[in-house]
N, C-alpha and C. Protein backbone atom coordinates (compact mmCIF):
# COMPACT_ATOMS: atom_id res chain seq x y z
N MET A 1 30.90 23.49 28.24
CA MET A 1 29.73 22.73 28.65
C MET A 1 28.44 23.27 28.00
N LEU A 2 28.33 24.57 27.95
CA LEU A 2 27.14 25.19 27.37
C LEU A 2 27.05 24.88 25.87
N SER A 3 28.19 24.82 25.18
CA SER A 3 28.16 24.51 23.75
C SER A 3 27.67 23.09 23.50
N TRP A 4 28.01 22.15 24.39
CA TRP A 4 27.52 20.77 24.25
C TRP A 4 26.01 20.71 24.42
N LEU A 5 25.48 21.47 25.34
CA LEU A 5 24.03 21.50 25.52
C LEU A 5 23.34 22.07 24.27
N GLY A 6 23.96 23.08 23.68
CA GLY A 6 23.42 23.66 22.45
C GLY A 6 23.44 22.65 21.31
N VAL A 7 24.53 21.88 21.20
CA VAL A 7 24.63 20.87 20.16
C VAL A 7 23.60 19.77 20.38
N ILE A 8 23.43 19.34 21.62
CA ILE A 8 22.45 18.29 21.93
C ILE A 8 21.03 18.79 21.66
N LEU A 9 20.74 20.02 22.05
CA LEU A 9 19.41 20.59 21.79
C LEU A 9 19.15 20.69 20.29
N PHE A 10 20.15 21.13 19.55
CA PHE A 10 20.02 21.23 18.10
C PHE A 10 19.78 19.84 17.49
N ALA A 11 20.50 18.84 17.94
CA ALA A 11 20.34 17.47 17.44
C ALA A 11 18.94 16.95 17.75
N VAL A 12 18.43 17.23 18.95
CA VAL A 12 17.07 16.79 19.31
C VAL A 12 16.04 17.46 18.41
N VAL A 13 16.21 18.75 18.16
CA VAL A 13 15.27 19.47 17.29
C VAL A 13 15.31 18.90 15.87
N VAL A 14 16.52 18.68 15.34
CA VAL A 14 16.65 18.15 13.98
C VAL A 14 16.06 16.74 13.90
N LEU A 15 16.38 15.89 14.87
CA LEU A 15 15.83 14.53 14.87
C LEU A 15 14.32 14.53 15.04
N GLY A 16 13.79 15.44 15.86
CA GLY A 16 12.34 15.56 16.02
C GLY A 16 11.68 15.98 14.72
N PHE A 17 12.29 16.95 14.04
CA PHE A 17 11.75 17.40 12.76
C PHE A 17 11.80 16.28 11.73
N CYS A 18 12.92 15.55 11.70
CA CYS A 18 13.04 14.43 10.76
C CYS A 18 11.99 13.36 11.05
N GLY A 19 11.76 13.07 12.32
CA GLY A 19 10.72 12.10 12.69
C GLY A 19 9.34 12.55 12.25
N TYR A 20 9.06 13.85 12.44
CA TYR A 20 7.78 14.40 12.01
C TYR A 20 7.63 14.28 10.50
N GLU A 21 8.66 14.63 9.75
CA GLU A 21 8.61 14.56 8.29
C GLU A 21 8.41 13.13 7.81
N VAL A 22 9.11 12.19 8.39
CA VAL A 22 8.96 10.78 8.00
C VAL A 22 7.54 10.31 8.29
N HIS A 23 7.00 10.67 9.45
CA HIS A 23 5.64 10.27 9.81
C HIS A 23 4.63 10.90 8.83
N TRP A 24 4.80 12.18 8.53
CA TRP A 24 3.88 12.87 7.62
C TRP A 24 3.93 12.25 6.23
N LYS A 25 5.12 12.02 5.72
CA LYS A 25 5.25 11.43 4.38
C LYS A 25 4.73 10.00 4.35
N LEU A 26 4.94 9.25 5.43
CA LEU A 26 4.43 7.89 5.48
C LEU A 26 2.90 7.88 5.44
N SER A 27 2.27 8.77 6.19
CA SER A 27 0.80 8.81 6.16
C SER A 27 0.30 9.27 4.80
N ARG A 28 1.00 10.21 4.17
CA ARG A 28 0.59 10.65 2.84
C ARG A 28 0.76 9.53 1.82
N LEU A 29 1.85 8.81 1.88
CA LEU A 29 2.07 7.70 0.95
C LEU A 29 1.06 6.58 1.17
N ASN A 30 0.68 6.33 2.41
CA ASN A 30 -0.35 5.32 2.67
C ASN A 30 -1.68 5.73 2.07
N GLY A 31 -2.02 7.02 2.16
CA GLY A 31 -3.24 7.52 1.53
C GLY A 31 -3.18 7.37 0.02
N ASP A 32 -2.03 7.70 -0.56
CA ASP A 32 -1.86 7.54 -2.01
C ASP A 32 -1.97 6.08 -2.41
N LEU A 33 -1.41 5.20 -1.59
CA LEU A 33 -1.48 3.76 -1.88
C LEU A 33 -2.93 3.27 -1.86
N GLU A 34 -3.72 3.74 -0.91
CA GLU A 34 -5.14 3.35 -0.86
C GLU A 34 -5.88 3.85 -2.09
N ARG A 35 -5.61 5.08 -2.50
CA ARG A 35 -6.26 5.61 -3.71
C ARG A 35 -5.85 4.82 -4.95
N LEU A 36 -4.58 4.47 -5.04
CA LEU A 36 -4.12 3.69 -6.18
C LEU A 36 -4.73 2.29 -6.18
N ALA A 37 -4.90 1.70 -5.00
CA ALA A 37 -5.55 0.38 -4.92
C ALA A 37 -6.99 0.49 -5.41
N GLY A 38 -7.68 1.56 -5.04
CA GLY A 38 -9.05 1.78 -5.52
C GLY A 38 -9.08 1.95 -7.03
N LEU A 39 -8.13 2.69 -7.57
CA LEU A 39 -8.07 2.86 -9.03
C LEU A 39 -7.75 1.54 -9.73
N GLY A 40 -6.91 0.72 -9.09
CA GLY A 40 -6.61 -0.59 -9.65
C GLY A 40 -7.84 -1.46 -9.72
N GLU A 41 -8.67 -1.40 -8.68
CA GLU A 41 -9.92 -2.17 -8.69
C GLU A 41 -10.85 -1.67 -9.78
N GLN A 42 -10.93 -0.35 -9.95
CA GLN A 42 -11.77 0.20 -11.01
C GLN A 42 -11.24 -0.21 -12.38
N LEU A 43 -9.93 -0.21 -12.54
CA LEU A 43 -9.34 -0.62 -13.81
C LEU A 43 -9.65 -2.08 -14.11
N THR A 44 -9.56 -2.93 -13.10
CA THR A 44 -9.88 -4.34 -13.29
C THR A 44 -11.34 -4.50 -13.72
N GLN A 45 -12.23 -3.74 -13.08
CA GLN A 45 -13.65 -3.81 -13.44
C GLN A 45 -13.86 -3.31 -14.87
N LEU A 46 -13.20 -2.22 -15.23
CA LEU A 46 -13.34 -1.70 -16.59
C LEU A 46 -12.78 -2.68 -17.63
N GLN A 47 -11.70 -3.37 -17.29
CA GLN A 47 -11.16 -4.36 -18.22
C GLN A 47 -12.15 -5.50 -18.42
N GLY A 48 -12.81 -5.91 -17.33
CA GLY A 48 -13.83 -6.95 -17.45
C GLY A 48 -15.01 -6.48 -18.29
N ASP A 49 -15.44 -5.23 -18.05
CA ASP A 49 -16.54 -4.67 -18.85
C ASP A 49 -16.14 -4.57 -20.33
N PHE A 50 -14.91 -4.15 -20.58
CA PHE A 50 -14.44 -4.04 -21.96
C PHE A 50 -14.39 -5.41 -22.63
N ALA A 51 -13.91 -6.42 -21.92
CA ALA A 51 -13.85 -7.77 -22.48
C ALA A 51 -15.25 -8.29 -22.79
N ALA A 52 -16.20 -8.03 -21.89
CA ALA A 52 -17.58 -8.47 -22.12
C ALA A 52 -18.18 -7.74 -23.33
N THR A 53 -17.90 -6.45 -23.44
CA THR A 53 -18.41 -5.68 -24.58
C THR A 53 -17.79 -6.17 -25.88
N ALA A 54 -16.49 -6.46 -25.86
CA ALA A 54 -15.82 -6.97 -27.06
C ALA A 54 -16.39 -8.34 -27.44
N GLU A 55 -16.71 -9.15 -26.45
CA GLU A 55 -17.30 -10.46 -26.73
C GLU A 55 -18.68 -10.31 -27.35
N ARG A 56 -19.48 -9.39 -26.81
CA ARG A 56 -20.82 -9.16 -27.38
C ARG A 56 -20.71 -8.61 -28.80
N ALA A 57 -19.78 -7.69 -29.02
CA ALA A 57 -19.61 -7.12 -30.36
C ALA A 57 -19.16 -8.19 -31.34
N SER A 58 -18.27 -9.05 -30.90
CA SER A 58 -17.81 -10.14 -31.76
C SER A 58 -18.95 -11.10 -32.07
N ALA A 59 -19.78 -11.38 -31.06
CA ALA A 59 -20.91 -12.28 -31.27
C ALA A 59 -21.92 -11.66 -32.24
N ILE A 60 -22.15 -10.37 -32.12
CA ILE A 60 -23.08 -9.70 -33.04
C ILE A 60 -22.50 -9.71 -34.45
N HIS A 61 -21.22 -9.46 -34.55
CA HIS A 61 -20.57 -9.44 -35.86
C HIS A 61 -20.59 -10.83 -36.51
N ASP A 62 -20.39 -11.87 -35.70
CA ASP A 62 -20.37 -13.24 -36.22
C ASP A 62 -21.76 -13.81 -36.43
N GLY A 63 -22.79 -13.15 -35.90
CA GLY A 63 -24.16 -13.64 -36.04
C GLY A 63 -24.54 -14.66 -34.99
N THR A 64 -23.74 -14.80 -33.97
CA THR A 64 -24.10 -15.70 -32.87
C THR A 64 -24.59 -14.86 -31.72
N ALA A 65 -25.26 -15.51 -30.80
CA ALA A 65 -25.85 -14.78 -29.69
C ALA A 65 -25.08 -15.01 -28.42
N VAL A 66 -25.04 -13.99 -27.60
CA VAL A 66 -24.50 -14.09 -26.25
C VAL A 66 -25.63 -13.67 -25.32
N ASN A 67 -26.10 -14.57 -24.49
CA ASN A 67 -27.21 -14.31 -23.57
C ASN A 67 -28.45 -13.86 -24.34
N GLY A 68 -28.74 -14.45 -25.43
CA GLY A 68 -29.93 -14.11 -26.20
C GLY A 68 -30.14 -15.14 -27.29
N SER A 69 -31.03 -14.83 -28.19
CA SER A 69 -31.30 -15.77 -29.28
C SER A 69 -30.57 -15.34 -30.54
N ALA A 70 -30.34 -16.28 -31.41
CA ALA A 70 -29.66 -15.98 -32.66
C ALA A 70 -30.51 -15.04 -33.52
N ALA A 71 -31.84 -15.17 -33.44
CA ALA A 71 -32.72 -14.29 -34.22
C ALA A 71 -32.54 -12.84 -33.78
N ASN A 72 -32.37 -12.64 -32.50
CA ASN A 72 -32.17 -11.28 -32.00
C ASN A 72 -30.88 -10.68 -32.54
N SER A 73 -29.78 -11.44 -32.54
CA SER A 73 -28.54 -10.90 -33.05
C SER A 73 -28.59 -10.71 -34.56
N THR A 74 -29.34 -11.54 -35.27
CA THR A 74 -29.50 -11.35 -36.70
C THR A 74 -30.24 -10.05 -36.96
N ALA A 75 -31.24 -9.77 -36.16
CA ALA A 75 -31.97 -8.51 -36.32
C ALA A 75 -31.07 -7.33 -36.06
N VAL A 76 -30.23 -7.44 -35.06
CA VAL A 76 -29.30 -6.35 -34.76
C VAL A 76 -28.31 -6.20 -35.90
N ASN A 77 -27.80 -7.31 -36.42
CA ASN A 77 -26.87 -7.24 -37.55
C ASN A 77 -27.53 -6.61 -38.76
N SER A 78 -28.77 -7.00 -39.04
CA SER A 78 -29.48 -6.47 -40.19
C SER A 78 -29.67 -4.97 -40.03
N THR A 79 -30.06 -4.54 -38.84
CA THR A 79 -30.26 -3.12 -38.59
C THR A 79 -28.95 -2.37 -38.73
N ALA A 80 -27.89 -2.94 -38.21
CA ALA A 80 -26.59 -2.26 -38.27
C ALA A 80 -26.13 -2.13 -39.71
N VAL A 81 -26.35 -3.13 -40.53
CA VAL A 81 -25.92 -3.07 -41.93
C VAL A 81 -26.71 -2.01 -42.67
N HIS A 82 -28.04 -1.97 -42.43
CA HIS A 82 -28.86 -0.98 -43.12
C HIS A 82 -28.56 0.43 -42.63
N ALA A 83 -28.22 0.55 -41.36
CA ALA A 83 -27.95 1.88 -40.83
C ALA A 83 -26.63 2.43 -41.34
N THR A 84 -25.70 1.57 -41.67
CA THR A 84 -24.39 2.07 -42.11
C THR A 84 -24.25 2.09 -43.63
N ALA A 85 -25.21 1.50 -44.37
CA ALA A 85 -25.13 1.49 -45.83
C ALA A 85 -25.38 2.90 -46.35
N PRO A 86 -24.60 3.34 -47.32
CA PRO A 86 -24.81 4.69 -47.86
C PRO A 86 -26.13 4.77 -48.62
N SER A 87 -26.75 5.90 -48.53
CA SER A 87 -28.02 6.10 -49.21
C SER A 87 -27.78 6.40 -50.69
N THR A 88 -28.59 5.77 -51.54
CA THR A 88 -28.46 6.01 -52.99
C THR A 88 -29.67 6.75 -53.52
N ALA A 89 -30.54 7.20 -52.64
CA ALA A 89 -31.75 7.91 -53.08
C ALA A 89 -31.37 9.28 -53.63
N VAL A 90 -32.07 9.68 -54.70
CA VAL A 90 -31.85 10.99 -55.32
C VAL A 90 -33.07 11.83 -55.01
N THR A 91 -32.84 12.99 -54.46
CA THR A 91 -33.96 13.86 -54.13
C THR A 91 -33.87 15.11 -55.01
N ARG A 92 -35.06 15.58 -55.39
CA ARG A 92 -35.10 16.79 -56.22
C ARG A 92 -35.04 17.99 -55.30
N THR A 93 -34.40 19.01 -55.80
CA THR A 93 -34.37 20.27 -55.05
C THR A 93 -35.05 21.32 -55.89
N ALA A 94 -35.66 22.25 -55.21
CA ALA A 94 -36.35 23.33 -55.92
C ALA A 94 -35.31 24.24 -56.57
N GLY A 95 -35.55 24.62 -57.78
CA GLY A 95 -34.57 25.52 -58.36
C GLY A 95 -34.64 25.56 -59.76
């Protein structure tokens, strides 16, 4: 009879520990899920920002305007071309 009580007590302890572990892991996974959902929202926002930036870059490259005037994008294109063109100036050095 005493051995059965020991077995039942052991089973209760093991089942209690298993219940605690399941509860702890479930709460941890729910926290991880919330963090991942937040990261997913940030990723969606970054994808939208990237698409808008790519659209603006394409518009500047094509010479059309997005939320502005064509003259403004032409000025930006002109500046970008002059800024990236290699310099052909020759400078004298002392010597």
